[in-house]
Amino acid sequence: MSRAPSFVLANPAAPSRRRGEWLGLATLALLLLAQIGWLQRERLAASPPLRPLLEAGCGALGCTLPAWREPAAFALLSRDVIAPPERPGVLRVQASFRNDAHWPQPWPALLLTLSDLNGRTLGTRRFQPADYLPAGTARSARIAPGQASQIAFDIVEPAPGVVGFDFRFE
């Protein structure tokens, strides 16, 4: 009886062992991708192309995404700072703005800077939503896409001679 060359003989256990190695490698690769996704979840959720996919995935898995935050998408429609004559030392801040983002987002922080006739800053303050939203408005409330809102609140005049103001959303 002649003996077959060594390359013809195969180890019968090798294919199943190889399958197990590939399965283990694929499992480890998926775990690595899941870990990277978890660590970068806020950045991934802020990506406009990925957001719809992530929302669909989280809807199926029952998870939640971080809130969409795009302060640049708030369009300032009107703004005004007036000194009511019946209330000396008080300034009335009024503004209306709209959320032009594609998704609902939290109410923005409002940075208000007041200046004098020479452009010198007399005061700057960052107003959180709790500072300008009516009492009883949920802090977790969001502004829907395309929704416009008007706000008004009073502040103490930081110094006499306020003639200029600047609004920014953060």
C-alpha atoms as a PDB file:
ATOM      1  CA  MET A   1       0.000   0.000   0.000  1.00  0.00           C
ATOM      2  CA  SER A   2       1.401   3.300  -1.001  1.00  0.00           C
ATOM      3  CA  ARG A   3       1.398   6.170   1.270  1.00  0.00           C
ATOM      4  CA  ALA A   4      -0.237   9.490   0.184  1.00  0.00           C
ATOM      5  CA  PRO A   5       1.820  12.653   0.240  1.00  0.00           C
ATOM      6  CA  SER A   6       1.614  14.670   3.438  1.00  0.00           C
ATOM      7  CA  PHE A   7      -0.215  17.604   1.845  1.00  0.00           C
ATOM      8  CA  VAL A   8      -3.157  15.331   0.986  1.00  0.00           C
ATOM      9  CA  LEU A   9      -3.669  14.263   4.559  1.00  0.00           C
ATOM     10  CA  ALA A  10      -5.559  16.794   6.595  1.00  0.00           C
ATOM     11  CA  ASN A  11      -6.091  17.083  10.255  1.00  0.00           C
ATOM     12  CA  PRO A  12      -9.854  16.566  10.711  1.00  0.00           C
ATOM     13  CA  ALA A  13      -9.974  18.796  13.834  1.00  0.00           C
ATOM     14  CA  ALA A  14      -8.360  21.825  12.128  1.00  0.00           C
ATOM     15  CA  PRO A  15     -11.441  23.273  10.272  1.00  0.00           C
ATOM     16  CA  SER A  16     -13.633  23.359  13.370  1.00  0.00           C
ATOM     17  CA  ARG A  17     -10.796  24.862  15.398  1.00  0.00           C
ATOM     18  CA  ARG A  18     -10.301  27.538  12.737  1.00  0.00           C
ATOM     19  CA  ARG A  19     -14.043  28.300  12.764  1.00  0.00           C
ATOM     20  CA  GLY A  20     -13.903  28.797  16.518  1.00  0.00           C
ATOM     21  CA  GLU A  21     -10.927  31.145  16.206  1.00  0.00           C
ATOM     22  CA  TRP A  22     -12.736  33.269  13.608  1.00  0.00           C
ATOM     23  CA  LEU A  23     -15.882  33.323  15.721  1.00  0.00           C
ATOM     24  CA  GLY A  24     -13.859  34.429  18.751  1.00  0.00           C
ATOM     25  CA  LEU A  25     -12.097  37.114  16.702  1.00  0.00           C
ATOM     26  CA  ALA A  26     -15.413  38.433  15.340  1.00  0.00           C
ATOM     27  CA  THR A  27     -16.876  38.515  18.866  1.00  0.00           C
ATOM     28  CA  LEU A  28     -13.889  40.464  20.198  1.00  0.00           C
ATOM     29  CA  ALA A  29     -14.076  42.915  17.271  1.00  0.00           C
ATOM     30  CA  LEU A  30     -17.793  43.535  17.959  1.00  0.00           C
ATOM     31  CA  LEU A  31     -17.077  44.078  21.659  1.00  0.00           C
ATOM     32  CA  LEU A  32     -14.327  46.563  20.787  1.00  0.00           C
ATOM     33  CA  LEU A  33     -16.663  48.484  18.452  1.00  0.00           C
ATOM     34  CA  ALA A  34     -19.372  48.521  21.122  1.00  0.00           C
ATOM     35  CA  GLN A  35     -16.903  49.854  23.700  1.00  0.00           C
ATOM     36  CA  ILE A  36     -15.664  52.596  21.345  1.00  0.00           C
ATOM     37  CA  GLY A  37     -19.275  53.504  20.536  1.00  0.00           C
ATOM     38  CA  TRP A  38     -20.108  53.732  24.248  1.00  0.00           C
ATOM     39  CA  LEU A  39     -17.083  55.924  25.003  1.00  0.00           C
ATOM     40  CA  GLN A  40     -17.786  58.222  22.031  1.00  0.00           C
ATOM     41  CA  ARG A  41     -21.607  58.221  22.392  1.00  0.00           C
ATOM     42  CA  GLU A  42     -21.952  61.986  22.830  1.00  0.00           C
ATOM     43  CA  ARG A  43     -19.830  62.778  19.784  1.00  0.00           C
ATOM     44  CA  LEU A  44     -21.612  60.142  17.701  1.00  0.00           C
ATOM     45  CA  ALA A  45     -25.041  61.406  18.828  1.00  0.00           C
ATOM     46  CA  ALA A  46     -24.048  64.937  17.754  1.00  0.00           C
ATOM     47  CA  SER A  47     -23.325  63.797  14.192  1.00  0.00           C
ATOM     48  CA  PRO A  48     -26.201  64.832  11.863  1.00  0.00           C
ATOM     49  CA  PRO A  49     -25.743  61.860   9.484  1.00  0.00           C
ATOM     50  CA  LEU A  50     -25.602  59.309  12.327  1.00  0.00           C
ATOM     51  CA  ARG A  51     -28.340  60.747  14.560  1.00  0.00           C
ATOM     52  CA  PRO A  52     -31.318  59.135  12.748  1.00  0.00           C
ATOM     53  CA  LEU A  53     -29.589  55.736  12.735  1.00  0.00           C
ATOM     54  CA  LEU A  54     -28.731  56.002  16.422  1.00  0.00           C
ATOM     55  CA  GLU A  55     -32.284  57.068  17.312  1.00  0.00           C
ATOM     56  CA  ALA A  56     -33.677  54.081  15.429  1.00  0.00           C
ATOM     57  CA  GLY A  57     -31.192  51.754  17.127  1.00  0.00           C
ATOM     58  CA  CYS A  58     -31.896  53.166  20.569  1.00  0.00           C
ATOM     59  CA  GLY A  59     -35.620  52.936  19.918  1.00  0.00           C
ATOM     60  CA  ALA A  60     -35.233  49.220  19.242  1.00  0.00           C
ATOM     61  CA  LEU A  61     -32.857  48.630  22.175  1.00  0.00           C
ATOM     62  CA  GLY A  62     -34.637  50.870  24.679  1.00  0.00           C
ATOM     63  CA  CYS A  63     -31.639  53.132  25.293  1.00  0.00           C
ATOM     64  CA  THR A  64     -31.535  56.934  25.308  1.00  0.00           C
ATOM     65  CA  LEU A  65     -29.307  59.332  23.414  1.00  0.00           C
ATOM     66  CA  PRO A  66     -27.792  62.494  24.861  1.00  0.00           C
ATOM     67  CA  ALA A  67     -29.837  65.576  24.011  1.00  0.00           C
ATOM     68  CA  TRP A  68     -29.076  67.262  20.717  1.00  0.00           C
ATOM     69  CA  ARG A  69     -27.218  70.523  21.397  1.00  0.00           C
ATOM     70  CA  GLU A  70     -26.616  72.964  18.580  1.00  0.00           C
ATOM     71  CA  PRO A  71     -26.612  76.537  19.961  1.00  0.00           C
ATOM     72  CA  ALA A  72     -25.766  77.956  16.531  1.00  0.00           C
ATOM     73  CA  ALA A  73     -29.125  76.654  15.257  1.00  0.00           C
ATOM     74  CA  PHE A  74     -31.057  79.133  17.400  1.00  0.00           C
ATOM     75  CA  ALA A  75     -32.115  82.047  15.214  1.00  0.00           C
ATOM     76  CA  LEU A  76     -32.600  85.309  17.068  1.00  0.00           C
ATOM     77  CA  LEU A  77     -35.771  86.867  15.637  1.00  0.00           C
ATOM     78  CA  SER A  78     -35.922  89.994  17.790  1.00  0.00           C
ATOM     79  CA  ARG A  79     -34.230  91.365  20.884  1.00  0.00           C
ATOM     80  CA  ASP A  80     -34.491  94.430  23.005  1.00  0.00           C
ATOM     81  CA  VAL A  81     -33.301  95.828  26.308  1.00  0.00           C
ATOM     82  CA  ILE A  82     -35.354  98.761  27.604  1.00  0.00           C
ATOM     83  CA  ALA A  83     -35.350 100.842  30.761  1.00  0.00           C
ATOM     84  CA  PRO A  84     -38.955 101.058  32.003  1.00  0.00           C
ATOM     85  CA  PRO A  85     -39.497 104.664  33.207  1.00  0.00           C
ATOM     86  CA  GLU A  86     -41.561 103.532  36.185  1.00  0.00           C
ATOM     87  CA  ARG A  87     -38.722 101.288  37.470  1.00  0.00           C
ATOM     88  CA  PRO A  88     -35.397 103.155  37.749  1.00  0.00           C
ATOM     89  CA  GLY A  89     -32.307 100.932  37.887  1.00  0.00           C
ATOM     90  CA  VAL A  90     -34.104  98.039  36.173  1.00  0.00           C
ATOM     91  CA  LEU A  91     -33.706  96.843  32.594  1.00  0.00           C
ATOM     92  CA  ARG A  92     -36.315  94.760  30.791  1.00  0.00           C
ATOM     93  CA  VAL A  93     -34.764  92.105  28.511  1.00  0.00           C
ATOM     94  CA  GLN A  94     -36.988  90.772  25.726  1.00  0.00           C
ATOM     95  CA  ALA A  95     -36.124  88.354  22.931  1.00  0.00           C
ATOM     96  CA  SER A  96     -37.727  85.949  20.529  1.00  0.00           C
ATOM     97  CA  PHE A  97     -35.891  83.087  18.873  1.00  0.00           C
ATOM     98  CA  ARG A  98     -36.499  79.910  16.913  1.00  0.00           C
ATOM     99  CA  ASN A  99     -34.910  76.449  16.935  1.00  0.00           C
ATOM    100  CA  ASP A 100     -33.694  75.832  13.366  1.00  0.00           C
ATOM    101  CA  ALA A 101     -32.044  72.503  14.254  1.00  0.00           C
ATOM    102  CA  HIS A 102     -33.382  69.268  12.788  1.00  0.00           C
ATOM    103  CA  TRP A 103     -34.066  67.797  16.233  1.00  0.00           C
ATOM    104  CA  PRO A 104     -35.517  69.001  19.540  1.00  0.00           C
ATOM    105  CA  GLN A 105     -32.896  70.460  21.806  1.00  0.00           C
ATOM    106  CA  PRO A 106     -32.712  71.806  25.348  1.00  0.00           C
ATOM    107  CA  TRP A 107     -33.454  75.456  25.965  1.00  0.00           C
ATOM    108  CA  PRO A 108     -30.254  77.437  25.422  1.00  0.00           C
ATOM    109  CA  ALA A 109     -28.221  79.415  27.896  1.00  0.00           C
ATOM    110  CA  LEU A 110     -28.327  83.106  27.000  1.00  0.00           C
ATOM    111  CA  LEU A 111     -25.201  85.238  27.302  1.00  0.00           C
ATOM    112  CA  LEU A 112     -26.124  88.918  27.633  1.00  0.00           C
ATOM    113  CA  THR A 113     -23.450  91.613  27.456  1.00  0.00           C
ATOM    114  CA  LEU A 114     -24.287  95.253  28.187  1.00  0.00           C
ATOM    115  CA  SER A 115     -22.046  98.106  27.048  1.00  0.00           C
ATOM    116  CA  ASP A 116     -21.798 101.891  27.261  1.00  0.00           C
ATOM    117  CA  LEU A 117     -21.602 104.525  24.506  1.00  0.00           C
ATOM    118  CA  ASN A 118     -17.847 103.882  24.053  1.00  0.00           C
ATOM    119  CA  GLY A 119     -18.347 100.118  23.652  1.00  0.00           C
ATOM    120  CA  ARG A 120     -16.921  99.276  27.076  1.00  0.00           C
ATOM    121  CA  THR A 121     -18.517  96.246  28.697  1.00  0.00           C
ATOM    122  CA  LEU A 122     -20.535  97.235  31.755  1.00  0.00           C
ATOM    123  CA  GLY A 123     -21.796  93.777  32.590  1.00  0.00           C
ATOM    124  CA  THR A 124     -22.047  90.238  31.280  1.00  0.00           C
ATOM    125  CA  ARG A 125     -24.197  87.447  32.578  1.00  0.00           C
ATOM    126  CA  ARG A 126     -25.058  83.961  31.453  1.00  0.00           C
ATOM    127  CA  PHE A 127     -28.734  83.169  31.981  1.00  0.00           C
ATOM    128  CA  GLN A 128     -29.716  79.526  32.315  1.00  0.00           C
ATOM    129  CA  PRO A 129     -33.176  78.400  31.166  1.00  0.00           C
ATOM    130  CA  ALA A 130     -34.353  78.384  34.799  1.00  0.00           C
ATOM    131  CA  ASP A 131     -33.522  82.121  34.927  1.00  0.00           C
ATOM    132  CA  TYR A 132     -35.779  83.099  32.028  1.00  0.00           C
ATOM    133  CA  LEU A 133     -38.411  80.354  31.701  1.00  0.00           C
ATOM    134  CA  PRO A 134     -41.663  80.743  33.641  1.00  0.00           C
ATOM    135  CA  ALA A 135     -41.893  78.886  36.938  1.00  0.00           C
ATOM    136  CA  GLY A 136     -43.331  75.409  36.504  1.00  0.00           C
ATOM    137  CA  THR A 137     -41.691  74.845  33.119  1.00  0.00           C
ATOM    138  CA  ALA A 138     -39.946  71.503  33.233  1.00  0.00           C
ATOM    139  CA  ARG A 139     -36.162  71.801  33.170  1.00  0.00           C
ATOM    140  CA  SER A 140     -36.047  68.797  30.878  1.00  0.00           C
ATOM    141  CA  ALA A 141     -38.350  70.489  28.357  1.00  0.00           C
ATOM    142  CA  ARG A 142     -37.004  70.811  24.855  1.00  0.00           C
ATOM    143  CA  ILE A 143     -37.652  73.202  21.992  1.00  0.00           C
ATOM    144  CA  ALA A 144     -39.052  71.394  18.973  1.00  0.00           C
ATOM    145  CA  PRO A 145     -37.572  71.954  15.514  1.00  0.00           C
ATOM    146  CA  GLY A 146     -39.049  75.133  14.024  1.00  0.00           C
ATOM    147  CA  GLN A 147     -40.585  76.191  17.353  1.00  0.00           C
ATOM    148  CA  ALA A 148     -40.329  79.900  18.166  1.00  0.00           C
ATOM    149  CA  SER A 149     -40.419  81.328  21.668  1.00  0.00           C
ATOM    150  CA  GLN A 150     -40.548  84.714  23.339  1.00  0.00           C
ATOM    151  CA  ILE A 151     -38.850  85.443  26.626  1.00  0.00           C
ATOM    152  CA  ALA A 152     -38.837  88.482  28.887  1.00  0.00           C
ATOM    153  CA  PHE A 153     -37.228  89.113  32.257  1.00  0.00           C
ATOM    154  CA  ASP A 154     -35.936  91.982  34.371  1.00  0.00           C
ATOM    155  CA  ILE A 155     -32.370  92.589  35.508  1.00  0.00           C
ATOM    156  CA  VAL A 156     -30.685  95.194  37.670  1.00  0.00           C
ATOM    157  CA  GLU A 157     -28.892  97.839  35.605  1.00  0.00           C
ATOM    158  CA  PRO A 158     -25.159  97.190  36.236  1.00  0.00           C
ATOM    159  CA  ALA A 159     -24.166 100.852  35.740  1.00  0.00           C
ATOM    160  CA  PRO A 160     -25.772 103.995  34.392  1.00  0.00           C
ATOM    161  CA  GLY A 161     -25.338 104.651  30.685  1.00  0.00           C
ATOM    162  CA  VAL A 162     -26.164 101.259  29.207  1.00  0.00           C
ATOM    163  CA  VAL A 163     -26.787 101.871  25.511  1.00  0.00           C
ATOM    164  CA  GLY A 164     -25.617  98.685  23.789  1.00  0.00           C
ATOM    165  CA  PHE A 165     -26.284  95.005  24.252  1.00  0.00           C
ATOM    166  CA  ASP A 166     -25.342  91.686  22.693  1.00  0.00           C
ATOM    167  CA  PHE A 167     -27.154  88.329  22.845  1.00  0.00           C
ATOM    168  CA  ARG A 168     -25.476  84.979  22.275  1.00  0.00           C
ATOM    169  CA  PHE A 169     -26.797  81.461  22.695  1.00  0.00           C
ATOM    170  CA  GLU A 170     -24.679  78.797  24.373  1.00  0.00           C
END
